């Protein structure tokens, strides 16, 4: 798949004036080829520089998130696999906060659209989802575009340290409430009262 991604990005590089449009379209096609978002963001920094590459990546990632929202609302059955992954990883009653989603977007091995699904669940409307999606995509687009080249040269100890710091922040920014479903609350066995005679 990486060879296919490299070939597609070569077409983007040779696109001339249409290269930014091709690059943004490549973000929309990314899920079909199972290419990681980080790979495309790093490539955007190589082709267009940190600022322009970050901006094009931000546009492409946000349009990809909006497309996912459209697919989710039109074909909810097609999202069954992502729902199962979310339930396996987070459980039934767990909702992530927007700050946690922002930080998880920076972790390269977490599924991008799984986090989009988590955003849909905590958003009140399409407008709220789009705004929040844009805000949580900004660090992903600009960090991996600007320091993506140096990230691959970091030592394994540095990468492990960064991941530990990220996990600590995820824990500190968690939602601090417990959600119990109505049925679960009333299905608990009530303690029996014994009367003294």
N, C-alpha and C. Protein backbone atom coordinates (compact mmCIF):
# COMPACT_ATOMS: atom_id res chain seq x y z
N UNK A 1 0.81 -1.20 0.00
CA UNK A 1 0.00 0.00 0.00
C UNK A 1 0.86 1.27 0.00
N UNK A 2 2.01 1.21 0.68
CA UNK A 2 2.86 2.40 0.71
C UNK A 2 3.42 2.71 -0.67
N UNK A 3 3.68 1.66 -1.47
CA UNK A 3 4.16 1.88 -2.84
C UNK A 3 3.08 2.56 -3.67
N UNK A 4 1.82 2.13 -3.48
CA UNK A 4 0.71 2.77 -4.18
C UNK A 4 0.58 4.22 -3.76
N UNK A 5 0.71 4.48 -2.45
CA UNK A 5 0.64 5.85 -1.95
C UNK A 5 1.76 6.71 -2.51
N UNK A 6 2.96 6.15 -2.60
CA UNK A 6 4.10 6.89 -3.16
C UNK A 6 3.86 7.22 -4.63
N UNK A 7 3.29 6.26 -5.39
CA UNK A 7 2.99 6.52 -6.80
C UNK A 7 1.94 7.60 -6.96
N UNK A 8 0.89 7.56 -6.12
CA UNK A 8 -0.15 8.58 -6.20
C UNK A 8 0.40 9.95 -5.85
N UNK A 9 1.28 10.00 -4.85
CA UNK A 9 1.86 11.28 -4.47
C UNK A 9 2.82 11.81 -5.52
N UNK A 10 3.40 10.92 -6.32
CA UNK A 10 4.24 11.37 -7.44
C UNK A 10 3.39 12.12 -8.46
N UNK A 11 2.16 11.63 -8.70
CA UNK A 11 1.24 12.34 -9.58
C UNK A 11 0.89 13.71 -9.02
N UNK A 12 0.75 13.79 -7.72
CA UNK A 12 0.46 15.08 -7.08
C UNK A 12 1.62 16.04 -7.30
N UNK A 13 2.85 15.54 -7.14
CA UNK A 13 4.03 16.38 -7.31
C UNK A 13 4.15 16.91 -8.73
N UNK A 14 3.76 16.10 -9.71
CA UNK A 14 3.85 16.51 -11.11
C UNK A 14 2.63 17.29 -11.57
N UNK A 15 1.70 17.60 -10.66
CA UNK A 15 0.44 18.23 -11.03
C UNK A 15 0.54 19.70 -11.35
N UNK A 16 1.65 20.35 -11.08
CA UNK A 16 1.80 21.77 -11.38
C UNK A 16 0.86 22.62 -10.55
N UNK A 17 0.09 23.49 -11.23
CA UNK A 17 -0.83 24.37 -10.53
C UNK A 17 -1.97 23.61 -9.86
N UNK A 18 -2.29 22.42 -10.38
CA UNK A 18 -3.37 21.63 -9.80
C UNK A 18 -2.89 20.72 -8.67
N UNK A 19 -1.60 20.80 -8.33
CA UNK A 19 -1.03 19.94 -7.29
C UNK A 19 -1.76 20.08 -5.95
N UNK A 20 -2.08 21.30 -5.47
CA UNK A 20 -2.83 21.39 -4.21
C UNK A 20 -4.20 20.72 -4.28
N UNK A 21 -4.90 20.89 -5.41
CA UNK A 21 -6.22 20.27 -5.56
C UNK A 21 -6.09 18.75 -5.57
N UNK A 22 -5.08 18.25 -6.28
CA UNK A 22 -4.84 16.80 -6.32
C UNK A 22 -4.48 16.28 -4.93
N UNK A 23 -3.69 17.05 -4.20
CA UNK A 23 -3.30 16.64 -2.86
C UNK A 23 -4.50 16.57 -1.92
N UNK A 24 -5.39 17.56 -2.00
CA UNK A 24 -6.61 17.56 -1.18
C UNK A 24 -7.50 16.39 -1.57
N UNK A 25 -7.63 16.13 -2.87
CA UNK A 25 -8.42 14.98 -3.33
C UNK A 25 -7.81 13.67 -2.85
N UNK A 26 -6.49 13.64 -2.78
CA UNK A 26 -5.81 12.44 -2.29
C UNK A 26 -6.19 12.15 -0.84
N UNK A 27 -6.40 13.21 -0.06
CA UNK A 27 -6.88 13.03 1.32
C UNK A 27 -8.26 12.36 1.33
N UNK A 28 -9.10 12.73 0.37
CA UNK A 28 -10.44 12.14 0.32
C UNK A 28 -10.40 10.67 -0.11
N UNK A 29 -9.43 10.32 -0.95
CA UNK A 29 -9.30 8.94 -1.42
C UNK A 29 -8.50 8.06 -0.46
N UNK A 30 -7.84 8.66 0.49
CA UNK A 30 -6.97 7.95 1.42
C UNK A 30 -7.61 6.73 2.08
N UNK A 31 -8.85 6.82 2.58
CA UNK A 31 -9.42 5.63 3.25
C UNK A 31 -9.59 4.43 2.31
N UNK A 32 -9.80 4.69 1.02
CA UNK A 32 -9.98 3.58 0.08
C UNK A 32 -8.71 2.76 -0.10
N UNK A 33 -7.56 3.40 0.06
CA UNK A 33 -6.27 2.73 -0.12
C UNK A 33 -5.60 2.37 1.20
N UNK A 34 -6.29 2.62 2.33
CA UNK A 34 -5.77 2.30 3.67
C UNK A 34 -4.41 2.95 3.93
N UNK A 35 -4.28 4.20 3.51
CA UNK A 35 -3.03 4.94 3.71
C UNK A 35 -3.19 5.80 4.97
N UNK A 36 -2.24 5.75 5.87
CA UNK A 36 -2.37 6.54 7.11
C UNK A 36 -2.36 8.04 6.85
N UNK A 37 -3.11 8.77 7.66
CA UNK A 37 -3.18 10.23 7.55
C UNK A 37 -1.80 10.84 7.75
N UNK A 38 -1.04 10.28 8.68
CA UNK A 38 0.29 10.82 9.00
C UNK A 38 1.19 10.80 7.76
N UNK A 39 1.13 9.72 6.99
CA UNK A 39 1.94 9.60 5.77
C UNK A 39 1.65 10.73 4.80
N UNK A 40 0.38 11.05 4.63
CA UNK A 40 0.01 12.11 3.69
C UNK A 40 0.42 13.48 4.23
N UNK A 41 0.26 13.69 5.53
CA UNK A 41 0.65 14.98 6.11
C UNK A 41 2.16 15.21 5.99
N UNK A 42 2.93 14.17 6.25
CA UNK A 42 4.39 14.29 6.10
C UNK A 42 4.74 14.59 4.64
N UNK A 43 4.06 13.91 3.72
CA UNK A 43 4.30 14.15 2.29
C UNK A 43 3.93 15.57 1.89
N UNK A 44 2.86 16.10 2.49
CA UNK A 44 2.48 17.48 2.20
C UNK A 44 3.55 18.47 2.62
N UNK A 45 4.20 18.20 3.75
CA UNK A 45 5.30 19.06 4.18
C UNK A 45 6.48 18.99 3.25
N UNK A 46 6.74 17.80 2.68
CA UNK A 46 7.86 17.64 1.75
C UNK A 46 7.58 18.37 0.44
N UNK A 47 6.34 18.23 -0.08
CA UNK A 47 6.01 18.81 -1.39
C UNK A 47 5.75 20.32 -1.36
N UNK A 48 5.04 20.78 -0.31
CA UNK A 48 4.57 22.17 -0.32
C UNK A 48 5.18 23.04 0.77
N UNK A 49 5.98 22.45 1.66
CA UNK A 49 6.52 23.22 2.77
C UNK A 49 5.60 23.12 3.97
N UNK A 50 6.10 23.54 5.14
CA UNK A 50 5.31 23.35 6.36
C UNK A 50 3.99 24.10 6.40
N UNK A 51 3.97 25.36 5.98
CA UNK A 51 2.73 26.13 6.10
C UNK A 51 1.71 25.72 5.06
N UNK A 52 2.09 25.77 3.78
CA UNK A 52 1.14 25.42 2.72
C UNK A 52 0.73 23.95 2.82
N UNK A 53 1.70 23.06 3.10
CA UNK A 53 1.37 21.64 3.25
C UNK A 53 0.43 21.40 4.41
N UNK A 54 0.64 22.11 5.52
CA UNK A 54 -0.26 21.99 6.66
C UNK A 54 -1.66 22.49 6.34
N UNK A 55 -1.74 23.61 5.62
CA UNK A 55 -3.03 24.16 5.24
C UNK A 55 -3.78 23.21 4.30
N UNK A 56 -3.09 22.67 3.29
CA UNK A 56 -3.74 21.73 2.36
C UNK A 56 -4.15 20.45 3.09
N UNK A 57 -3.31 19.99 4.01
CA UNK A 57 -3.65 18.80 4.79
C UNK A 57 -4.86 19.06 5.67
N UNK A 58 -4.91 20.24 6.29
CA UNK A 58 -6.06 20.59 7.13
C UNK A 58 -7.35 20.60 6.32
N UNK A 59 -7.30 21.19 5.13
CA UNK A 59 -8.49 21.21 4.27
C UNK A 59 -8.89 19.79 3.88
N UNK A 60 -7.90 18.99 3.47
CA UNK A 60 -8.20 17.62 3.04
C UNK A 60 -8.73 16.75 4.17
N UNK A 61 -8.13 16.85 5.35
CA UNK A 61 -8.57 16.05 6.49
C UNK A 61 -9.98 16.46 6.92
N UNK A 62 -10.24 17.76 6.94
CA UNK A 62 -11.56 18.23 7.35
C UNK A 62 -12.63 17.81 6.34
N UNK A 63 -12.32 17.91 5.04
CA UNK A 63 -13.27 17.44 4.03
C UNK A 63 -13.50 15.93 4.16
N UNK A 64 -12.47 15.18 4.50
CA UNK A 64 -12.60 13.75 4.73
C UNK A 64 -13.51 13.48 5.93
N UNK A 65 -13.39 14.28 6.97
CA UNK A 65 -14.26 14.13 8.14
C UNK A 65 -15.71 14.45 7.80
N UNK A 66 -15.92 15.47 6.99
CA UNK A 66 -17.28 15.83 6.57
C UNK A 66 -17.87 14.73 5.70
N UNK A 67 -17.06 14.17 4.81
CA UNK A 67 -17.52 13.04 3.99
C UNK A 67 -17.90 11.85 4.86
N UNK A 68 -17.11 11.58 5.89
CA UNK A 68 -17.42 10.50 6.82
C UNK A 68 -18.76 10.76 7.52
N UNK A 69 -19.01 12.00 7.91
CA UNK A 69 -20.29 12.35 8.55
C UNK A 69 -21.44 12.07 7.60
N UNK A 70 -21.26 12.42 6.32
CA UNK A 70 -22.31 12.16 5.33
C UNK A 70 -22.58 10.67 5.17
N UNK A 71 -21.51 9.89 5.10
CA UNK A 71 -21.67 8.43 4.97
C UNK A 71 -22.33 7.87 6.23
N UNK A 72 -21.95 8.39 7.38
CA UNK A 72 -22.53 7.92 8.65
C UNK A 72 -24.03 8.17 8.71
N UNK A 73 -24.47 9.36 8.27
CA UNK A 73 -25.89 9.68 8.35
C UNK A 73 -26.71 8.99 7.27
N UNK A 74 -26.11 8.75 6.11
CA UNK A 74 -26.86 8.12 5.01
C UNK A 74 -26.84 6.59 5.10
N UNK A 75 -25.74 6.02 5.58
CA UNK A 75 -25.60 4.56 5.64
C UNK A 75 -25.09 4.13 7.00
N UNK A 76 -25.92 4.21 8.03
CA UNK A 76 -25.42 3.85 9.37
C UNK A 76 -25.04 2.37 9.49
N UNK A 77 -25.63 1.50 8.68
CA UNK A 77 -25.27 0.08 8.74
C UNK A 77 -23.84 -0.17 8.28
N UNK A 78 -23.35 0.67 7.36
CA UNK A 78 -21.98 0.53 6.87
C UNK A 78 -20.95 0.86 7.95
N UNK A 79 -21.39 1.54 9.00
CA UNK A 79 -20.50 1.94 10.08
C UNK A 79 -20.42 0.89 11.19
N UNK A 80 -21.08 -0.25 11.00
CA UNK A 80 -21.14 -1.27 12.05
C UNK A 80 -19.76 -1.72 12.52
N UNK A 81 -18.83 -1.87 11.60
CA UNK A 81 -17.48 -2.32 11.97
C UNK A 81 -16.78 -1.31 12.87
N UNK A 82 -16.91 -0.03 12.55
CA UNK A 82 -16.28 1.01 13.37
C UNK A 82 -16.95 1.07 14.75
N UNK A 83 -18.29 0.86 14.80
CA UNK A 83 -18.98 0.80 16.09
C UNK A 83 -18.43 -0.33 16.95
N UNK A 84 -18.21 -1.50 16.35
CA UNK A 84 -17.69 -2.64 17.10
C UNK A 84 -16.29 -2.35 17.64
N UNK A 85 -15.45 -1.72 16.81
CA UNK A 85 -14.10 -1.36 17.26
C UNK A 85 -14.18 -0.39 18.44
N UNK A 86 -15.06 0.60 18.33
CA UNK A 86 -15.21 1.58 19.41
C UNK A 86 -15.68 0.91 20.69
N UNK A 87 -16.67 0.02 20.60
CA UNK A 87 -17.16 -0.66 21.80
C UNK A 87 -16.09 -1.55 22.42
N UNK A 88 -15.29 -2.20 21.58
CA UNK A 88 -14.23 -3.05 22.09
C UNK A 88 -13.16 -2.22 22.81
N UNK A 89 -12.82 -1.07 22.26
CA UNK A 89 -11.76 -0.25 22.85
C UNK A 89 -12.23 0.60 24.02
N UNK A 90 -13.43 1.19 23.89
CA UNK A 90 -13.87 2.16 24.89
C UNK A 90 -15.01 1.68 25.77
N UNK A 91 -15.72 0.63 25.37
CA UNK A 91 -16.88 0.18 26.13
C UNK A 91 -18.14 0.89 25.66
N UNK A 92 -19.27 0.48 26.22
CA UNK A 92 -20.57 1.00 25.78
C UNK A 92 -20.84 2.42 26.25
N UNK A 93 -20.47 2.73 27.48
CA UNK A 93 -20.87 4.00 28.09
C UNK A 93 -19.78 5.05 28.09
N UNK A 94 -18.68 4.83 27.39
CA UNK A 94 -17.54 5.74 27.44
C UNK A 94 -17.60 6.74 26.29
N UNK A 95 -17.56 8.02 26.63
CA UNK A 95 -17.47 9.08 25.63
C UNK A 95 -16.18 9.85 25.88
N UNK A 96 -15.47 10.15 24.81
CA UNK A 96 -14.25 10.94 24.92
C UNK A 96 -14.60 12.42 24.90
N UNK A 97 -13.77 13.22 25.53
CA UNK A 97 -13.94 14.66 25.46
C UNK A 97 -13.28 15.18 24.18
N UNK A 98 -13.57 16.42 23.84
CA UNK A 98 -12.96 17.02 22.66
C UNK A 98 -11.44 17.15 22.82
N UNK A 99 -11.00 17.44 24.04
CA UNK A 99 -9.55 17.55 24.29
C UNK A 99 -8.86 16.20 24.11
N UNK A 100 -9.52 15.13 24.56
CA UNK A 100 -8.94 13.80 24.39
C UNK A 100 -8.87 13.43 22.91
N UNK A 101 -9.91 13.76 22.16
CA UNK A 101 -9.91 13.46 20.72
C UNK A 101 -8.80 14.24 20.02
N UNK A 102 -8.61 15.49 20.41
CA UNK A 102 -7.53 16.29 19.84
C UNK A 102 -6.18 15.62 20.06
N UNK A 103 -5.94 15.13 21.28
CA UNK A 103 -4.67 14.46 21.58
C UNK A 103 -4.56 13.11 20.88
N UNK A 104 -5.66 12.37 20.82
CA UNK A 104 -5.62 11.06 20.16
C UNK A 104 -5.40 11.18 18.66
N UNK A 105 -5.79 12.30 18.07
CA UNK A 105 -5.52 12.51 16.64
C UNK A 105 -4.01 12.51 16.37
N UNK A 106 -3.22 12.87 17.37
CA UNK A 106 -1.77 12.94 17.19
C UNK A 106 -1.10 11.57 17.27
N UNK A 107 -1.83 10.55 17.74
CA UNK A 107 -1.27 9.21 17.85
C UNK A 107 -1.43 8.52 16.49
N UNK A 108 -0.33 8.15 15.85
CA UNK A 108 -0.41 7.67 14.46
C UNK A 108 -1.17 6.36 14.26
N UNK A 109 -1.21 5.49 15.27
CA UNK A 109 -1.80 4.18 15.06
C UNK A 109 -3.27 4.09 15.46
N UNK A 110 -3.90 5.19 15.85
CA UNK A 110 -5.33 5.18 16.18
C UNK A 110 -6.12 5.56 14.93
N UNK A 111 -7.16 4.80 14.66
CA UNK A 111 -7.97 4.95 13.45
C UNK A 111 -8.60 6.35 13.41
N UNK A 112 -8.37 7.07 12.33
CA UNK A 112 -8.82 8.44 12.20
C UNK A 112 -10.34 8.54 12.28
N UNK A 113 -11.05 7.65 11.55
CA UNK A 113 -12.50 7.75 11.52
C UNK A 113 -13.17 7.19 12.77
N UNK A 114 -12.44 6.40 13.54
CA UNK A 114 -12.95 6.00 14.85
C UNK A 114 -13.10 7.23 15.73
N UNK A 115 -12.12 8.11 15.67
CA UNK A 115 -12.20 9.36 16.43
C UNK A 115 -13.26 10.29 15.86
N UNK A 116 -13.47 10.24 14.54
CA UNK A 116 -14.56 11.02 13.94
C UNK A 116 -15.91 10.52 14.46
N UNK A 117 -16.05 9.21 14.61
CA UNK A 117 -17.28 8.64 15.17
C UNK A 117 -17.49 9.13 16.60
N UNK A 118 -16.42 9.16 17.39
CA UNK A 118 -16.52 9.68 18.76
C UNK A 118 -16.94 11.15 18.76
N UNK A 119 -16.46 11.92 17.77
CA UNK A 119 -16.86 13.32 17.66
C UNK A 119 -18.33 13.45 17.30
N UNK A 120 -18.82 12.59 16.41
CA UNK A 120 -20.24 12.62 16.04
C UNK A 120 -21.10 12.38 17.27
N UNK A 121 -20.69 11.46 18.13
CA UNK A 121 -21.49 11.12 19.30
C UNK A 121 -21.58 12.25 20.32
N UNK A 122 -20.56 13.10 20.39
CA UNK A 122 -20.61 14.19 21.37
C UNK A 122 -21.03 15.52 20.75
N UNK A 123 -21.23 15.57 19.44
CA UNK A 123 -21.63 16.81 18.78
C UNK A 123 -23.15 16.94 18.79
N UNK A 124 -23.60 18.18 18.85
CA UNK A 124 -25.04 18.44 18.90
C UNK A 124 -25.65 18.62 17.52
N UNK A 125 -24.83 18.97 16.53
CA UNK A 125 -25.35 19.20 15.18
C UNK A 125 -24.20 19.03 14.17
N UNK A 126 -24.56 19.09 12.89
CA UNK A 126 -23.54 19.00 11.85
C UNK A 126 -22.56 20.18 11.95
N UNK A 127 -23.09 21.34 12.23
CA UNK A 127 -22.25 22.53 12.35
C UNK A 127 -21.25 22.38 13.50
N UNK A 128 -21.74 21.89 14.63
CA UNK A 128 -20.87 21.67 15.79
C UNK A 128 -19.81 20.62 15.46
N UNK A 129 -20.22 19.54 14.78
CA UNK A 129 -19.27 18.50 14.38
C UNK A 129 -18.19 19.06 13.46
N UNK A 130 -18.60 19.86 12.47
CA UNK A 130 -17.63 20.41 11.51
C UNK A 130 -16.65 21.35 12.20
N UNK A 131 -17.16 22.19 13.07
CA UNK A 131 -16.28 23.13 13.80
C UNK A 131 -15.30 22.37 14.70
N UNK A 132 -15.81 21.41 15.45
CA UNK A 132 -14.95 20.64 16.35
C UNK A 132 -13.96 19.80 15.57
N UNK A 133 -14.40 19.23 14.46
CA UNK A 133 -13.51 18.44 13.62
C UNK A 133 -12.36 19.30 13.09
N UNK A 134 -12.69 20.49 12.63
CA UNK A 134 -11.66 21.41 12.14
C UNK A 134 -10.66 21.73 13.23
N UNK A 135 -11.15 22.04 14.43
CA UNK A 135 -10.26 22.40 15.54
C UNK A 135 -9.38 21.23 15.98
N UNK A 136 -9.92 20.00 15.98
CA UNK A 136 -9.11 18.86 16.40
C UNK A 136 -8.16 18.39 15.31
N UNK A 137 -8.39 18.83 14.08
CA UNK A 137 -7.50 18.46 12.97
C UNK A 137 -6.31 19.40 12.82
N UNK A 138 -6.39 20.59 13.38
CA UNK A 138 -5.31 21.58 13.22
C UNK A 138 -3.97 21.06 13.74
N UNK A 139 -3.90 20.56 14.99
CA UNK A 139 -2.59 20.07 15.45
C UNK A 139 -2.06 18.91 14.61
N UNK A 140 -2.94 18.00 14.23
CA UNK A 140 -2.52 16.85 13.41
C UNK A 140 -1.90 17.33 12.10
N UNK A 141 -2.58 18.22 11.41
CA UNK A 141 -2.10 18.67 10.10
C UNK A 141 -0.77 19.41 10.22
N UNK A 142 -0.68 20.35 11.14
CA UNK A 142 0.51 21.20 11.17
C UNK A 142 1.70 20.55 11.88
N UNK A 143 1.45 19.77 12.90
CA UNK A 143 2.58 19.13 13.59
C UNK A 143 3.25 18.10 12.69
N UNK A 144 2.44 17.22 12.09
CA UNK A 144 3.06 16.18 11.25
C UNK A 144 3.61 16.75 9.95
N UNK A 145 3.07 17.85 9.49
CA UNK A 145 3.63 18.46 8.28
C UNK A 145 4.95 19.15 8.59
N UNK A 146 5.02 19.83 9.73
CA UNK A 146 6.23 20.61 10.03
C UNK A 146 7.36 19.77 10.61
N UNK A 147 7.04 18.87 11.54
CA UNK A 147 8.13 18.10 12.13
C UNK A 147 8.08 16.63 11.73
N UNK A 148 7.29 16.32 10.73
CA UNK A 148 7.16 14.93 10.28
C UNK A 148 8.47 14.32 9.83
N UNK A 149 9.28 15.10 9.14
CA UNK A 149 10.57 14.59 8.68
C UNK A 149 11.50 14.25 9.83
N UNK A 150 11.48 15.08 10.88
CA UNK A 150 12.36 14.81 12.01
C UNK A 150 11.78 13.74 12.94
N UNK A 151 10.46 13.54 12.91
CA UNK A 151 9.83 12.53 13.76
C UNK A 151 10.35 11.14 13.43
N UNK A 152 10.59 10.89 12.15
CA UNK A 152 11.07 9.57 11.75
C UNK A 152 12.52 9.34 12.16
N UNK A 153 13.26 10.41 12.46
CA UNK A 153 14.66 10.24 12.85
C UNK A 153 14.85 10.22 14.37
N UNK A 154 13.77 10.38 15.13
CA UNK A 154 13.88 10.35 16.59
C UNK A 154 14.21 8.95 17.07
N UNK A 155 14.85 8.87 18.22
CA UNK A 155 15.20 7.57 18.79
C UNK A 155 13.94 6.91 19.36
N UNK A 156 13.95 5.59 19.47
CA UNK A 156 12.79 4.90 20.07
C UNK A 156 12.49 5.36 21.49
N UNK A 157 13.52 5.74 22.25
CA UNK A 157 13.31 6.22 23.61
C UNK A 157 12.55 7.55 23.62
N UNK A 158 12.89 8.43 22.70
CA UNK A 158 12.21 9.72 22.62
C UNK A 158 10.75 9.52 22.22
N UNK A 159 10.51 8.65 21.25
CA UNK A 159 9.14 8.38 20.81
C UNK A 159 8.33 7.77 21.96
N UNK A 160 8.93 6.83 22.70
CA UNK A 160 8.25 6.22 23.85
C UNK A 160 7.94 7.27 24.91
N UNK A 161 8.89 8.17 25.17
CA UNK A 161 8.66 9.24 26.13
C UNK A 161 7.53 10.15 25.72
N UNK A 162 7.47 10.51 24.45
CA UNK A 162 6.38 11.35 23.95
C UNK A 162 5.04 10.65 24.09
N UNK A 163 4.99 9.34 23.82
CA UNK A 163 3.74 8.59 23.95
C UNK A 163 3.29 8.52 25.41
N UNK A 164 4.24 8.37 26.33
CA UNK A 164 3.89 8.33 27.76
C UNK A 164 3.31 9.67 28.19
N UNK A 165 3.93 10.76 27.76
CA UNK A 165 3.42 12.10 28.08
C UNK A 165 2.01 12.28 27.51
N UNK A 166 1.80 11.80 26.29
CA UNK A 166 0.49 11.90 25.66
C UNK A 166 -0.55 11.10 26.43
N UNK A 167 -0.20 9.91 26.90
CA UNK A 167 -1.13 9.10 27.69
C UNK A 167 -1.48 9.76 29.03
N UNK A 168 -0.50 10.42 29.65
CA UNK A 168 -0.77 11.14 30.90
C UNK A 168 -1.76 12.26 30.65
N UNK A 169 -1.58 13.01 29.57
CA UNK A 169 -2.52 14.08 29.24
C UNK A 169 -3.91 13.52 28.94
N UNK A 170 -3.99 12.37 28.24
CA UNK A 170 -5.28 11.75 27.97
C UNK A 170 -6.00 11.40 29.26
N UNK A 171 -5.26 10.91 30.23
CA UNK A 171 -5.86 10.56 31.52
C UNK A 171 -6.34 11.81 32.25
N UNK A 172 -5.54 12.86 32.26
CA UNK A 172 -5.90 14.08 32.97
C UNK A 172 -7.09 14.79 32.33
N UNK A 173 -7.26 14.65 31.03
CA UNK A 173 -8.34 15.35 30.32
C UNK A 173 -9.59 14.50 30.13
N UNK A 174 -9.67 13.36 30.81
CA UNK A 174 -10.82 12.47 30.64
C UNK A 174 -12.09 13.12 31.18
N UNK A 175 -13.22 12.59 30.74
CA UNK A 175 -14.50 13.06 31.24
C UNK A 175 -14.69 12.50 32.65
N UNK A 176 -14.98 13.36 33.60
CA UNK A 176 -15.03 12.95 34.99
C UNK A 176 -16.47 12.77 35.45
N UNK A 177 -17.18 11.88 34.79
CA UNK A 177 -18.54 11.55 35.20
C UNK A 177 -18.80 10.09 34.87
N UNK A 178 -19.75 9.52 35.55
CA UNK A 178 -20.12 8.12 35.32
C UNK A 178 -21.51 8.11 34.72
N UNK A 179 -21.67 7.37 33.64
CA UNK A 179 -22.97 7.25 32.99
C UNK A 179 -23.49 5.85 33.23
N UNK A 180 -24.65 5.79 33.86
CA UNK A 180 -25.31 4.51 34.09
C UNK A 180 -26.64 4.54 33.35
N UNK A 181 -26.88 3.54 32.52
CA UNK A 181 -28.14 3.49 31.79
C UNK A 181 -29.29 3.27 32.76
N UNK A 182 -30.46 3.76 32.41
CA UNK A 182 -31.66 3.67 33.23
C UNK A 182 -31.96 2.21 33.58
N UNK A 183 -31.89 1.32 32.57
CA UNK A 183 -32.19 -0.09 32.78
C UNK A 183 -31.17 -0.73 33.71
N UNK A 184 -29.90 -0.38 33.54
CA UNK A 184 -28.86 -0.94 34.39
C UNK A 184 -29.02 -0.51 35.84
N UNK A 185 -29.45 0.74 36.05
CA UNK A 185 -29.60 1.27 37.40
C UNK A 185 -30.71 0.56 38.15
N UNK A 186 -31.85 0.35 37.47
CA UNK A 186 -32.99 -0.27 38.15
C UNK A 186 -32.98 -1.79 38.10
N UNK A 187 -32.06 -2.38 37.32
CA UNK A 187 -32.00 -3.84 37.31
C UNK A 187 -31.09 -4.37 38.41
N UNK A 188 -30.37 -3.49 39.09
CA UNK A 188 -29.54 -3.93 40.20
C UNK A 188 -30.44 -4.46 41.32
N UNK A 189 -30.00 -5.52 41.94
CA UNK A 189 -30.80 -6.12 43.00
C UNK A 189 -30.78 -5.23 44.22
N UNK A 190 -31.98 -4.94 44.72
CA UNK A 190 -32.10 -4.08 45.90
C UNK A 190 -31.80 -4.90 47.15
N UNK A 191 -31.15 -4.32 48.14
CA UNK A 191 -30.90 -5.07 49.38
C UNK A 191 -32.22 -5.37 50.10
N UNK A 192 -32.30 -6.56 50.67
CA UNK A 192 -33.53 -6.98 51.37
C UNK A 192 -33.50 -6.44 52.78
N UNK A 193 -34.63 -5.88 53.19
CA UNK A 193 -34.75 -5.35 54.55
C UNK A 193 -35.36 -6.43 55.43
N UNK A 194 -34.78 -6.65 56.57
CA UNK A 194 -35.34 -7.63 57.51
C UNK A 194 -36.00 -6.89 58.65
N UNK A 195 -37.15 -7.32 58.97
CA UNK A 195 -37.88 -6.64 60.05
C UNK A 195 -37.68 -7.42 61.35
N UNK A 196 -37.50 -6.68 62.42
CA UNK A 196 -37.33 -7.32 63.72
C UNK A 196 -38.70 -7.51 64.35
N UNK A 197 -38.91 -8.70 64.87
CA UNK A 197 -40.20 -9.02 65.47
C UNK A 197 -40.19 -8.72 66.95
